[in-house]
Amino acid sequence: MQSIKLKDEFIKLGQALKMAGLVESGADAKYMINDGLVKVNGKVEIQRGKKLFAGDEVEYNGEVIRIE
């Protein structure tokens, strides 16, 4: 499990995937999210701009990212 430490109050889902190195670009993140391949807190999320806060968990391709 990876962790991303917040610098601000929140981070957007697409940015978190890029920061964790799970996607190469924002475009890749967009396609993965739109295809329903990303879960936030156990539920499929299709909004690339979804705001993530401390305590949220993102799952993609067998990887888990925890927002801190």
PDB file of N, CA and C in Angstrom:
ATOM      1  N   MET A   1       0.854  -1.188   0.000  1.00  0.00           N
ATOM      2  CA  MET A   1       0.000   0.000   0.000  1.00  0.00           C
ATOM      3  C   MET A   1       0.890   1.239   0.000  1.00  0.00           C
ATOM      4  N   GLN A   2       0.569   2.150  -0.886  1.00  0.00           N
ATOM      5  CA  GLN A   2       1.271   3.432  -0.949  1.00  0.00           C
ATOM      6  C   GLN A   2       0.496   4.478  -0.159  1.00  0.00           C
ATOM      7  N   SER A   3       1.189   5.525   0.236  1.00  0.00           N
ATOM      8  CA  SER A   3       0.537   6.648   0.911  1.00  0.00           C
ATOM      9  C   SER A   3       0.865   7.931   0.167  1.00  0.00           C
ATOM     10  N   ILE A   4      -0.115   8.814   0.107  1.00  0.00           N
ATOM     11  CA  ILE A   4       0.093  10.151  -0.437  1.00  0.00           C
ATOM     12  C   ILE A   4      -0.230  11.130   0.669  1.00  0.00           C
ATOM     13  N   LYS A   5       0.718  11.964   1.001  1.00  0.00           N
ATOM     14  CA  LYS A   5       0.504  12.971   2.043  1.00  0.00           C
ATOM     15  C   LYS A   5      -0.050  14.238   1.391  1.00  0.00           C
ATOM     16  N   LEU A   6      -1.140  14.709   1.928  1.00  0.00           N
ATOM     17  CA  LEU A   6      -1.778  15.912   1.392  1.00  0.00           C
ATOM     18  C   LEU A   6      -0.964  17.157   1.736  1.00  0.00           C
ATOM     19  N   LYS A   7      -0.856  18.036   0.760  1.00  0.00           N
ATOM     20  CA  LYS A   7      -0.241  19.345   0.995  1.00  0.00           C
ATOM     21  C   LYS A   7      -1.333  20.383   1.225  1.00  0.00           C
ATOM     22  N   ASP A   8      -2.509  20.103   0.661  1.00  0.00           N
ATOM     23  CA  ASP A   8      -3.671  20.974   0.802  1.00  0.00           C
ATOM     24  C   ASP A   8      -4.774  20.170   1.490  1.00  0.00           C
ATOM     25  N   GLU A   9      -5.972  20.703   1.473  1.00  0.00           N
ATOM     26  CA  GLU A   9      -7.100  20.048   2.120  1.00  0.00           C
ATOM     27  C   GLU A   9      -7.497  18.753   1.403  1.00  0.00           C
ATOM     28  N   PHE A  10      -7.311  18.717   0.072  1.00  0.00           N
ATOM     29  CA  PHE A  10      -7.706  17.551  -0.719  1.00  0.00           C
ATOM     30  C   PHE A  10      -6.805  17.428  -1.943  1.00  0.00           C
ATOM     31  N   ILE A  11      -6.929  16.270  -2.627  1.00  0.00           N
ATOM     32  CA  ILE A  11      -6.277  16.055  -3.913  1.00  0.00           C
ATOM     33  C   ILE A  11      -7.321  15.417  -4.815  1.00  0.00           C
ATOM     34  N   LYS A  12      -7.279  15.727  -6.096  1.00  0.00           N
ATOM     35  CA  LYS A  12      -8.236  15.142  -7.031  1.00  0.00           C
ATOM     36  C   LYS A  12      -7.765  13.745  -7.435  1.00  0.00           C
ATOM     37  N   LEU A  13      -8.735  12.910  -7.754  1.00  0.00           N
ATOM     38  CA  LEU A  13      -8.469  11.506  -8.053  1.00  0.00           C
ATOM     39  C   LEU A  13      -7.435  11.334  -9.161  1.00  0.00           C
ATOM     40  N   GLY A  14      -7.590  12.034 -10.266  1.00  0.00           N
ATOM     41  CA  GLY A  14      -6.632  11.918 -11.370  1.00  0.00           C
ATOM     42  C   GLY A  14      -5.226  12.291 -10.944  1.00  0.00           C
ATOM     43  N   GLN A  15      -5.105  13.330 -10.140  1.00  0.00           N
ATOM     44  CA  GLN A  15      -3.795  13.763  -9.650  1.00  0.00           C
ATOM     45  C   GLN A  15      -3.180  12.709  -8.724  1.00  0.00           C
ATOM     46  N   ALA A  16      -4.007  12.088  -7.899  1.00  0.00           N
ATOM     47  CA  ALA A  16      -3.504  11.065  -6.976  1.00  0.00           C
ATOM     48  C   ALA A  16      -2.957   9.869  -7.744  1.00  0.00           C
ATOM     49  N   LEU A  17      -3.651   9.453  -8.801  1.00  0.00           N
ATOM     50  CA  LEU A  17      -3.173   8.329  -9.607  1.00  0.00           C
ATOM     51  C   LEU A  17      -1.839   8.658 -10.263  1.00  0.00           C
ATOM     52  N   LYS A  18      -1.701   9.879 -10.755  1.00  0.00           N
ATOM     53  CA  LYS A  18      -0.434  10.301 -11.350  1.00  0.00           C
ATOM     54  C   LYS A  18       0.664  10.374 -10.302  1.00  0.00           C
ATOM     55  N   MET A  19       0.374  10.966  -9.165  1.00  0.00           N
ATOM     56  CA  MET A  19       1.374  11.133  -8.112  1.00  0.00           C
ATOM     57  C   MET A  19       1.884   9.782  -7.615  1.00  0.00           C
ATOM     58  N   ALA A  20       1.007   8.793  -7.570  1.00  0.00           N
ATOM     59  CA  ALA A  20       1.383   7.461  -7.103  1.00  0.00           C
ATOM     60  C   ALA A  20       2.119   6.662  -8.178  1.00  0.00           C
ATOM     61  N   GLY A  21       2.156   7.204  -9.400  1.00  0.00           N
ATOM     62  CA  GLY A  21       2.848   6.521 -10.492  1.00  0.00           C
ATOM     63  C   GLY A  21       2.052   5.376 -11.096  1.00  0.00           C
ATOM     64  N   LEU A  22       0.750   5.354 -10.869  1.00  0.00           N
ATOM     65  CA  LEU A  22      -0.086   4.281 -11.408  1.00  0.00           C
ATOM     66  C   LEU A  22      -0.520   4.544 -12.836  1.00  0.00           C
ATOM     67  N   VAL A  23      -0.450   5.790 -13.270  1.00  0.00           N
ATOM     68  CA  VAL A  23      -0.727   6.155 -14.658  1.00  0.00           C
ATOM     69  C   VAL A  23       0.351   7.126 -15.116  1.00  0.00           C
ATOM     70  N   GLU A  24       0.571   7.185 -16.415  1.00  0.00           N
ATOM     71  CA  GLU A  24       1.610   8.046 -16.976  1.00  0.00           C
ATOM     72  C   GLU A  24       1.168   9.504 -17.106  1.00  0.00           C
ATOM     73  N   SER A  25      -0.116   9.698 -17.406  1.00  0.00           N
ATOM     74  CA  SER A  25      -0.579  11.061 -17.680  1.00  0.00           C
ATOM     75  C   SER A  25      -2.018  11.240 -17.204  1.00  0.00           C
ATOM     76  N   GLY A  26      -2.449  12.482 -17.251  1.00  0.00           N
ATOM     77  CA  GLY A  26      -3.835  12.789 -16.907  1.00  0.00           C
ATOM     78  C   GLY A  26      -4.804  12.127 -17.866  1.00  0.00           C
ATOM     79  N   ALA A  27      -4.399  12.004 -19.136  1.00  0.00           N
ATOM     80  CA  ALA A  27      -5.251  11.345 -20.128  1.00  0.00           C
ATOM     81  C   ALA A  27      -5.435   9.872 -19.786  1.00  0.00           C
ATOM     82  N   ASP A  28      -4.348   9.215 -19.371  1.00  0.00           N
ATOM     83  CA  ASP A  28      -4.446   7.811 -18.959  1.00  0.00           C
ATOM     84  C   ASP A  28      -5.387   7.675 -17.769  1.00  0.00           C
ATOM     85  N   ALA A  29      -5.252   8.575 -16.812  1.00  0.00           N
ATOM     86  CA  ALA A  29      -6.111   8.552 -15.630  1.00  0.00           C
ATOM     87  C   ALA A  29      -7.575   8.700 -16.042  1.00  0.00           C
ATOM     88  N   LYS A  30      -7.828   9.612 -16.963  1.00  0.00           N
ATOM     89  CA  LYS A  30      -9.195   9.854 -17.430  1.00  0.00           C
ATOM     90  C   LYS A  30      -9.813   8.578 -17.996  1.00  0.00           C
ATOM     91  N   TYR A  31      -9.063   7.873 -18.842  1.00  0.00           N
ATOM     92  CA  TYR A  31      -9.594   6.658 -19.464  1.00  0.00           C
ATOM     93  C   TYR A  31      -9.824   5.557 -18.436  1.00  0.00           C
ATOM     94  N   MET A  32      -8.898   5.370 -17.516  1.00  0.00           N
ATOM     95  CA  MET A  32      -9.046   4.332 -16.502  1.00  0.00           C
ATOM     96  C   MET A  32     -10.239   4.602 -15.594  1.00  0.00           C
ATOM     97  N   ILE A  33     -10.408   5.866 -15.230  1.00  0.00           N
ATOM     98  CA  ILE A  33     -11.535   6.248 -14.373  1.00  0.00           C
ATOM     99  C   ILE A  33     -12.854   6.091 -15.128  1.00  0.00           C
ATOM    100  N   ASN A  34     -12.900   6.593 -16.360  1.00  0.00           N
ATOM    101  CA  ASN A  34     -14.128   6.500 -17.160  1.00  0.00           C
ATOM    102  C   ASN A  34     -14.523   5.061 -17.452  1.00  0.00           C
ATOM    103  N   ASP A  35     -13.534   4.162 -17.540  1.00  0.00           N
ATOM    104  CA  ASP A  35     -13.808   2.750 -17.809  1.00  0.00           C
ATOM    105  C   ASP A  35     -14.233   1.993 -16.557  1.00  0.00           C
ATOM    106  N   GLY A  36     -14.313   2.680 -15.412  1.00  0.00           N
ATOM    107  CA  GLY A  36     -14.770   2.054 -14.180  1.00  0.00           C
ATOM    108  C   GLY A  36     -13.734   1.148 -13.527  1.00  0.00           C
ATOM    109  N   LEU A  37     -12.458   1.406 -13.788  1.00  0.00           N
ATOM    110  CA  LEU A  37     -11.391   0.561 -13.267  1.00  0.00           C
ATOM    111  C   LEU A  37     -10.826   1.047 -11.937  1.00  0.00           C
ATOM    112  N   VAL A  38     -11.319   2.187 -11.440  1.00  0.00           N
ATOM    113  CA  VAL A  38     -10.785   2.786 -10.214  1.00  0.00           C
ATOM    114  C   VAL A  38     -11.873   2.808  -9.146  1.00  0.00           C
ATOM    115  N   LYS A  39     -11.486   2.412  -7.939  1.00  0.00           N
ATOM    116  CA  LYS A  39     -12.418   2.444  -6.806  1.00  0.00           C
ATOM    117  C   LYS A  39     -11.909   3.424  -5.760  1.00  0.00           C
ATOM    118  N   VAL A  40     -12.845   4.131  -5.147  1.00  0.00           N
ATOM    119  CA  VAL A  40     -12.538   5.003  -4.014  1.00  0.00           C
ATOM    120  C   VAL A  40     -13.359   4.491  -2.842  1.00  0.00           C
ATOM    121  N   ASN A  41     -12.662   4.134  -1.783  1.00  0.00           N
ATOM    122  CA  ASN A  41     -13.308   3.588  -0.583  1.00  0.00           C
ATOM    123  C   ASN A  41     -14.229   2.409  -0.920  1.00  0.00           C
ATOM    124  N   GLY A  42     -13.752   1.552  -1.847  1.00  0.00           N
ATOM    125  CA  GLY A  42     -14.469   0.330  -2.189  1.00  0.00           C
ATOM    126  C   GLY A  42     -15.557   0.457  -3.232  1.00  0.00           C
ATOM    127  N   LYS A  43     -15.821   1.668  -3.726  1.00  0.00           N
ATOM    128  CA  LYS A  43     -16.872   1.877  -4.722  1.00  0.00           C
ATOM    129  C   LYS A  43     -16.274   2.411  -6.013  1.00  0.00           C
ATOM    130  N   VAL A  44     -16.768   1.931  -7.152  1.00  0.00           N
ATOM    131  CA  VAL A  44     -16.289   2.412  -8.443  1.00  0.00           C
ATOM    132  C   VAL A  44     -16.558   3.903  -8.542  1.00  0.00           C
ATOM    133  N   GLU A  45     -15.544   4.643  -8.960  1.00  0.00           N
ATOM    134  CA  GLU A  45     -15.656   6.102  -9.092  1.00  0.00           C
ATOM    135  C   GLU A  45     -15.386   6.476 -10.549  1.00  0.00           C
ATOM    136  N   ILE A  46     -16.269   7.280 -11.133  1.00  0.00           N
ATOM    137  CA  ILE A  46     -16.096   7.670 -12.539  1.00  0.00           C
ATOM    138  C   ILE A  46     -15.854   9.168 -12.707  1.00  0.00           C
ATOM    139  N   GLN A  47     -15.635   9.885 -11.621  1.00  0.00           N
ATOM    140  CA  GLN A  47     -15.344  11.319 -11.694  1.00  0.00           C
ATOM    141  C   GLN A  47     -13.849  11.551 -11.491  1.00  0.00           C
ATOM    142  N   ARG A  48     -13.176  11.994 -12.537  1.00  0.00           N
ATOM    143  CA  ARG A  48     -11.740  12.232 -12.440  1.00  0.00           C
ATOM    144  C   ARG A  48     -11.434  13.328 -11.429  1.00  0.00           C
ATOM    145  N   GLY A  49     -12.331  14.288 -11.280  1.00  0.00           N
ATOM    146  CA  GLY A  49     -12.135  15.407 -10.373  1.00  0.00           C
ATOM    147  C   GLY A  49     -12.607  15.139  -8.953  1.00  0.00           C
ATOM    148  N   LYS A  50     -12.958  13.896  -8.646  1.00  0.00           N
ATOM    149  CA  LYS A  50     -13.417  13.544  -7.293  1.00  0.00           C
ATOM    150  C   LYS A  50     -12.377  13.996  -6.274  1.00  0.00           C
ATOM    151  N   LYS A  51     -12.818  14.723  -5.267  1.00  0.00           N
ATOM    152  CA  LYS A  51     -11.907  15.211  -4.231  1.00  0.00           C
ATOM    153  C   LYS A  51     -11.653  14.109  -3.210  1.00  0.00           C
ATOM    154  N   LEU A  52     -10.381  13.873  -2.937  1.00  0.00           N
ATOM    155  CA  LEU A  52      -9.980  12.875  -1.956  1.00  0.00           C
ATOM    156  C   LEU A  52      -9.432  13.589  -0.727  1.00  0.00           C
ATOM    157  N   PHE A  53      -9.826  13.105   0.427  1.00  0.00           N
ATOM    158  CA  PHE A  53      -9.411  13.696   1.689  1.00  0.00           C
ATOM    159  C   PHE A  53      -8.646  12.663   2.508  1.00  0.00           C
ATOM    160  N   ALA A  54      -8.011  13.099   3.568  1.00  0.00           N
ATOM    161  CA  ALA A  54      -7.272  12.193   4.444  1.00  0.00           C
ATOM    162  C   ALA A  54      -8.176  11.044   4.889  1.00  0.00           C
ATOM    163  N   GLY A  55      -7.661   9.827   4.804  1.00  0.00           N
ATOM    164  CA  GLY A  55      -8.424   8.637   5.178  1.00  0.00           C
ATOM    165  C   GLY A  55      -9.024   7.900   4.009  1.00  0.00           C
ATOM    166  N   ASP A  56      -9.122   8.550   2.848  1.00  0.00           N
ATOM    167  CA  ASP A  56      -9.668   7.890   1.664  1.00  0.00           C
ATOM    168  C   ASP A  56      -8.663   6.880   1.116  1.00  0.00           C
ATOM    169  N   GLU A  57      -9.190   5.813   0.491  1.00  0.00           N
ATOM    170  CA  GLU A  57      -8.353   4.814  -0.151  1.00  0.00           C
ATOM    171  C   GLU A  57      -8.780   4.653  -1.597  1.00  0.00           C
ATOM    172  N   VAL A  58      -7.786   4.584  -2.478  1.00  0.00           N
ATOM    173  CA  VAL A  58      -8.011   4.424  -3.915  1.00  0.00           C
ATOM    174  C   VAL A  58      -7.444   3.073  -4.329  1.00  0.00           C
ATOM    175  N   GLU A  59      -8.214   2.319  -5.115  1.00  0.00           N
ATOM    176  CA  GLU A  59      -7.755   1.036  -5.630  1.00  0.00           C
ATOM    177  C   GLU A  59      -7.734   1.085  -7.153  1.00  0.00           C
ATOM    178  N   TYR A  60      -6.628   0.600  -7.713  1.00  0.00           N
ATOM    179  CA  TYR A  60      -6.520   0.504  -9.164  1.00  0.00           C
ATOM    180  C   TYR A  60      -5.517  -0.586  -9.511  1.00  0.00           C
ATOM    181  N   ASN A  61      -5.906  -1.492 -10.356  1.00  0.00           N
ATOM    182  CA  ASN A  61      -5.008  -2.521 -10.881  1.00  0.00           C
ATOM    183  C   ASN A  61      -4.290  -3.285  -9.763  1.00  0.00           C
ATOM    184  N   GLY A  62      -4.991  -3.598  -8.686  1.00  0.00           N
ATOM    185  CA  GLY A  62      -4.413  -4.349  -7.582  1.00  0.00           C
ATOM    186  C   GLY A  62      -3.600  -3.534  -6.606  1.00  0.00           C
ATOM    187  N   GLU A  63      -3.449  -2.249  -6.864  1.00  0.00           N
ATOM    188  CA  GLU A  63      -2.685  -1.352  -5.979  1.00  0.00           C
ATOM    189  C   GLU A  63      -3.650  -0.546  -5.129  1.00  0.00           C
ATOM    190  N   VAL A  64      -3.236  -0.249  -3.911  1.00  0.00           N
ATOM    191  CA  VAL A  64      -4.048   0.576  -3.012  1.00  0.00           C
ATOM    192  C   VAL A  64      -3.233   1.788  -2.604  1.00  0.00           C
ATOM    193  N   ILE A  65      -3.871   2.944  -2.677  1.00  0.00           N
ATOM    194  CA  ILE A  65      -3.246   4.210  -2.267  1.00  0.00           C
ATOM    195  C   ILE A  65      -4.063   4.759  -1.110  1.00  0.00           C
ATOM    196  N   ARG A  66      -3.411   5.108  -0.027  1.00  0.00           N
ATOM    197  CA  ARG A  66      -4.095   5.721   1.116  1.00  0.00           C
ATOM    198  C   ARG A  66      -3.728   7.198   1.150  1.00  0.00           C
ATOM    199  N   ILE A  67      -4.747   8.036   1.267  1.00  0.00           N
ATOM    200  CA  ILE A  67      -4.542   9.482   1.351  1.00  0.00           C
ATOM    201  C   ILE A  67      -4.369   9.851   2.814  1.00  0.00           C
ATOM    202  N   GLU A  68      -3.279  10.558   3.109  1.00  0.00           N
ATOM    203  CA  GLU A  68      -2.985  10.965   4.498  1.00  0.00           C
ATOM    204  C   GLU A  68      -2.838  12.468   4.596  1.00  0.00           C
TER     205      GLU A  68
END
